[in-house]
């Protein structure tokens, strides 16, 4: 799956130390990557990484949607009936 870019940002050093200021376009986050937590609030998992080169607006970081999903076929729920969980921990 290709990366879903949804924002950019830059590292800023100021009076109170170093921080990252990012802007995210919520319209770029597909609905299937937004989930509702037990508290009823909606979330999306995002990854921020440093860009190789700064862009023309001074952005040094990019933000992408985390599209990783667990492989359901490998879960314990789908284990064979004779599966024995004998891990020592």
N, C-alpha and C. Protein backbone atom coordinates (compact mmCIF):
# COMPACT_ATOMS: atom_id res chain seq x y z
N UNK A 1 0.84 -1.18 0.00
CA UNK A 1 0.00 0.00 0.00
C UNK A 1 0.89 1.25 0.00
N UNK A 2 0.53 2.22 -0.77
CA UNK A 2 1.33 3.45 -0.83
C UNK A 2 1.07 4.31 0.40
N UNK A 3 1.99 5.19 0.66
CA UNK A 3 1.87 6.05 1.84
C UNK A 3 0.79 7.09 1.62
N UNK A 4 0.09 7.41 2.70
CA UNK A 4 -0.95 8.43 2.66
C UNK A 4 -0.41 9.64 3.41
N UNK A 5 0.06 10.64 2.67
CA UNK A 5 0.62 11.84 3.27
C UNK A 5 -0.52 12.75 3.74
N UNK A 6 -0.41 13.25 4.96
CA UNK A 6 -1.48 14.08 5.49
C UNK A 6 -0.97 15.34 6.18
N UNK A 7 0.33 15.59 6.13
CA UNK A 7 0.82 16.81 6.77
C UNK A 7 2.31 16.96 6.69
N UNK A 8 2.76 18.13 7.12
CA UNK A 8 4.18 18.45 7.19
C UNK A 8 4.42 19.30 8.43
N UNK A 9 5.69 19.44 8.77
CA UNK A 9 6.00 20.25 9.93
C UNK A 9 7.48 20.58 9.98
N UNK A 10 7.83 21.29 11.02
CA UNK A 10 9.23 21.68 11.18
C UNK A 10 9.62 21.68 12.64
N UNK A 11 10.89 21.49 12.85
CA UNK A 11 11.45 21.55 14.20
C UNK A 11 11.70 23.01 14.52
N UNK A 12 11.30 23.41 15.70
CA UNK A 12 11.46 24.81 16.11
C UNK A 12 12.18 24.83 17.45
N UNK A 13 13.19 25.65 17.55
CA UNK A 13 13.88 25.86 18.81
C UNK A 13 13.54 27.26 19.28
N UNK A 14 12.98 27.33 20.45
CA UNK A 14 12.55 28.63 20.96
C UNK A 14 12.97 28.84 22.39
N UNK A 15 12.36 29.78 22.99
CA UNK A 15 12.66 30.18 24.36
C UNK A 15 12.45 29.03 25.35
N UNK A 16 11.51 28.13 25.03
CA UNK A 16 11.18 27.05 25.96
C UNK A 16 11.75 25.70 25.50
N UNK A 17 12.68 25.73 24.58
CA UNK A 17 13.30 24.49 24.12
C UNK A 17 12.88 24.12 22.71
N UNK A 18 13.14 22.87 22.37
CA UNK A 18 12.88 22.38 21.03
C UNK A 18 11.53 21.67 20.98
N UNK A 19 10.76 21.92 19.90
CA UNK A 19 9.49 21.23 19.69
C UNK A 19 9.22 21.13 18.20
N UNK A 20 8.17 20.41 17.85
CA UNK A 20 7.80 20.23 16.45
C UNK A 20 6.43 20.83 16.21
N UNK A 21 6.34 21.67 15.22
CA UNK A 21 5.06 22.28 14.84
C UNK A 21 4.63 21.62 13.54
N UNK A 22 3.48 20.93 13.57
CA UNK A 22 3.00 20.24 12.38
C UNK A 22 1.59 20.68 12.03
N UNK A 23 1.26 20.59 10.77
CA UNK A 23 -0.10 20.84 10.29
C UNK A 23 -0.57 19.57 9.60
N UNK A 24 -1.78 19.16 9.92
CA UNK A 24 -2.34 17.93 9.38
C UNK A 24 -3.64 18.26 8.65
N UNK A 25 -3.80 17.71 7.45
CA UNK A 25 -5.05 17.86 6.70
C UNK A 25 -5.94 16.67 7.04
N UNK A 26 -6.96 16.90 7.83
CA UNK A 26 -7.86 15.83 8.26
C UNK A 26 -8.60 15.19 7.09
N UNK A 27 -8.83 15.95 6.03
CA UNK A 27 -9.52 15.42 4.85
C UNK A 27 -8.69 14.37 4.12
N UNK A 28 -7.38 14.33 4.36
CA UNK A 28 -6.50 13.36 3.71
C UNK A 28 -6.48 12.01 4.42
N UNK A 29 -7.09 11.93 5.61
CA UNK A 29 -7.09 10.68 6.37
C UNK A 29 -8.34 9.88 6.00
N UNK A 30 -8.18 8.74 5.30
CA UNK A 30 -9.33 7.93 4.92
C UNK A 30 -10.10 7.42 6.14
N UNK A 31 -11.39 7.34 6.00
CA UNK A 31 -12.27 6.94 7.10
C UNK A 31 -11.89 5.57 7.67
N UNK A 32 -11.38 4.66 6.83
CA UNK A 32 -11.03 3.33 7.33
C UNK A 32 -9.83 3.34 8.26
N UNK A 33 -9.13 4.47 8.34
CA UNK A 33 -7.98 4.57 9.24
C UNK A 33 -8.30 5.44 10.47
N UNK A 34 -9.56 5.76 10.63
CA UNK A 34 -10.01 6.49 11.82
C UNK A 34 -10.82 5.50 12.66
N UNK A 35 -10.48 5.40 13.93
CA UNK A 35 -11.18 4.44 14.77
C UNK A 35 -11.74 5.12 16.00
N UNK A 36 -12.76 4.48 16.56
CA UNK A 36 -13.41 5.01 17.75
C UNK A 36 -12.94 4.22 18.95
N UNK A 37 -12.44 4.92 19.96
CA UNK A 37 -11.94 4.30 21.18
C UNK A 37 -13.09 4.05 22.15
N UNK A 38 -12.79 3.34 23.22
CA UNK A 38 -13.80 3.04 24.23
C UNK A 38 -14.39 4.30 24.85
N UNK A 39 -13.60 5.38 24.83
CA UNK A 39 -14.09 6.63 25.42
C UNK A 39 -15.01 7.39 24.46
N UNK A 40 -15.25 6.82 23.26
CA UNK A 40 -16.14 7.44 22.29
C UNK A 40 -15.48 8.44 21.37
N UNK A 41 -14.21 8.74 21.62
CA UNK A 41 -13.50 9.71 20.78
C UNK A 41 -12.90 9.01 19.57
N UNK A 42 -12.71 9.77 18.48
CA UNK A 42 -12.17 9.23 17.24
C UNK A 42 -10.68 9.55 17.13
N UNK A 43 -9.90 8.57 16.70
CA UNK A 43 -8.45 8.71 16.61
C UNK A 43 -7.95 8.20 15.26
N UNK A 44 -6.77 8.66 14.90
CA UNK A 44 -6.03 8.12 13.76
C UNK A 44 -4.58 8.03 14.21
N UNK A 45 -3.91 6.96 13.83
CA UNK A 45 -2.51 6.80 14.19
C UNK A 45 -1.66 7.34 13.04
N UNK A 46 -0.76 8.24 13.38
CA UNK A 46 0.08 8.90 12.39
C UNK A 46 1.55 8.67 12.70
N UNK A 47 2.37 8.70 11.67
CA UNK A 47 3.82 8.60 11.83
C UNK A 47 4.46 9.86 11.30
N UNK A 48 5.40 10.42 12.06
CA UNK A 48 6.13 11.60 11.61
C UNK A 48 7.58 11.21 11.43
N UNK A 49 8.15 11.62 10.31
CA UNK A 49 9.56 11.32 10.07
C UNK A 49 10.26 12.53 9.45
N UNK A 50 11.56 12.55 9.64
CA UNK A 50 12.36 13.64 9.11
C UNK A 50 12.54 13.47 7.61
N UNK A 51 12.40 14.55 6.87
CA UNK A 51 12.59 14.53 5.42
C UNK A 51 14.08 14.59 5.11
N UNK A 52 14.47 14.04 3.97
CA UNK A 52 15.88 14.08 3.57
C UNK A 52 16.33 15.51 3.31
N UNK A 53 15.45 16.29 2.68
CA UNK A 53 15.75 17.69 2.36
C UNK A 53 14.60 18.58 2.79
N UNK A 54 14.92 19.72 3.30
CA UNK A 54 13.93 20.72 3.69
C UNK A 54 13.21 21.21 2.44
N UNK A 55 11.89 21.42 2.52
CA UNK A 55 11.17 21.93 1.35
C UNK A 55 11.24 23.46 1.27
N UNK A 56 10.60 24.02 0.26
CA UNK A 56 10.69 25.48 0.03
C UNK A 56 9.99 26.31 1.10
N UNK A 57 9.18 25.66 1.96
CA UNK A 57 8.50 26.39 3.05
C UNK A 57 9.17 26.17 4.39
N UNK A 58 10.33 25.51 4.37
CA UNK A 58 11.08 25.30 5.60
C UNK A 58 10.67 24.06 6.38
N UNK A 59 9.76 23.25 5.82
CA UNK A 59 9.34 22.02 6.51
C UNK A 59 10.46 21.00 6.50
N UNK A 60 10.65 20.37 7.64
CA UNK A 60 11.72 19.38 7.80
C UNK A 60 11.18 17.99 8.10
N UNK A 61 9.87 17.88 8.32
CA UNK A 61 9.26 16.61 8.70
C UNK A 61 7.98 16.39 7.89
N UNK A 62 7.65 15.12 7.69
CA UNK A 62 6.43 14.77 6.99
C UNK A 62 5.59 13.85 7.87
N UNK A 63 4.29 13.88 7.68
CA UNK A 63 3.37 13.08 8.48
C UNK A 63 2.57 12.19 7.53
N UNK A 64 2.54 10.89 7.86
CA UNK A 64 1.78 9.93 7.07
C UNK A 64 0.84 9.14 7.98
N UNK A 65 -0.23 8.62 7.38
CA UNK A 65 -1.18 7.78 8.11
C UNK A 65 -0.54 6.42 8.31
N UNK A 66 -0.62 5.90 9.54
CA UNK A 66 -0.12 4.55 9.83
C UNK A 66 -1.18 3.57 9.33
N UNK A 67 -0.87 2.85 8.26
CA UNK A 67 -1.83 1.94 7.64
C UNK A 67 -1.64 0.49 8.07
N UNK A 68 -0.75 0.22 9.02
CA UNK A 68 -0.49 -1.15 9.46
C UNK A 68 -1.73 -1.74 10.09
N UNK A 69 -2.01 -2.97 9.72
CA UNK A 69 -3.11 -3.71 10.34
C UNK A 69 -2.57 -5.08 10.73
N UNK A 70 -2.98 -5.61 11.88
CA UNK A 70 -2.49 -6.93 12.30
C UNK A 70 -2.97 -8.00 11.33
N UNK A 71 -2.18 -9.03 11.17
CA UNK A 71 -2.53 -10.16 10.31
C UNK A 71 -3.44 -11.09 11.10
N UNK A 72 -4.73 -11.02 10.83
CA UNK A 72 -5.72 -11.80 11.58
C UNK A 72 -5.49 -13.30 11.44
N UNK A 73 -4.92 -13.73 10.32
CA UNK A 73 -4.71 -15.16 10.13
C UNK A 73 -3.66 -15.72 11.07
N UNK A 74 -2.84 -14.86 11.68
CA UNK A 74 -1.80 -15.32 12.60
C UNK A 74 -2.18 -15.13 14.06
N UNK A 75 -3.38 -14.69 14.34
CA UNK A 75 -3.76 -14.42 15.72
C UNK A 75 -4.07 -15.72 16.47
N UNK A 76 -4.03 -15.65 17.78
CA UNK A 76 -4.33 -16.81 18.62
C UNK A 76 -5.78 -17.23 18.43
N UNK A 77 -6.66 -16.26 18.13
CA UNK A 77 -8.07 -16.59 17.91
C UNK A 77 -8.23 -17.58 16.76
N UNK A 78 -7.35 -17.51 15.77
CA UNK A 78 -7.43 -18.37 14.60
C UNK A 78 -6.48 -19.57 14.67
N UNK A 79 -5.95 -19.83 15.84
CA UNK A 79 -5.01 -20.95 16.02
C UNK A 79 -5.77 -22.27 15.91
N UNK A 80 -5.10 -23.33 15.50
CA UNK A 80 -5.75 -24.65 15.44
C UNK A 80 -6.22 -25.07 16.83
N UNK A 81 -7.19 -25.96 16.87
CA UNK A 81 -7.75 -26.39 18.16
C UNK A 81 -6.73 -27.08 19.04
N UNK A 82 -5.73 -27.73 18.43
CA UNK A 82 -4.72 -28.42 19.23
C UNK A 82 -3.56 -27.51 19.61
N UNK A 83 -3.70 -26.21 19.39
CA UNK A 83 -2.66 -25.23 19.74
C UNK A 83 -2.51 -25.19 21.26
N UNK A 84 -1.28 -25.29 21.74
CA UNK A 84 -1.01 -25.25 23.18
C UNK A 84 -0.16 -24.02 23.46
N UNK A 85 -0.66 -23.18 24.33
CA UNK A 85 0.07 -21.98 24.73
C UNK A 85 0.92 -22.36 25.94
N UNK A 86 2.16 -22.79 25.70
CA UNK A 86 3.03 -23.20 26.79
C UNK A 86 4.23 -22.28 26.96
N UNK A 87 4.02 -21.02 26.64
CA UNK A 87 5.11 -20.06 26.81
C UNK A 87 5.40 -19.89 28.30
N UNK A 88 6.65 -19.79 28.69
CA UNK A 88 6.99 -19.70 30.13
C UNK A 88 6.74 -18.33 30.73
N UNK A 89 6.16 -17.41 29.99
CA UNK A 89 5.90 -16.06 30.52
C UNK A 89 4.48 -15.68 30.36
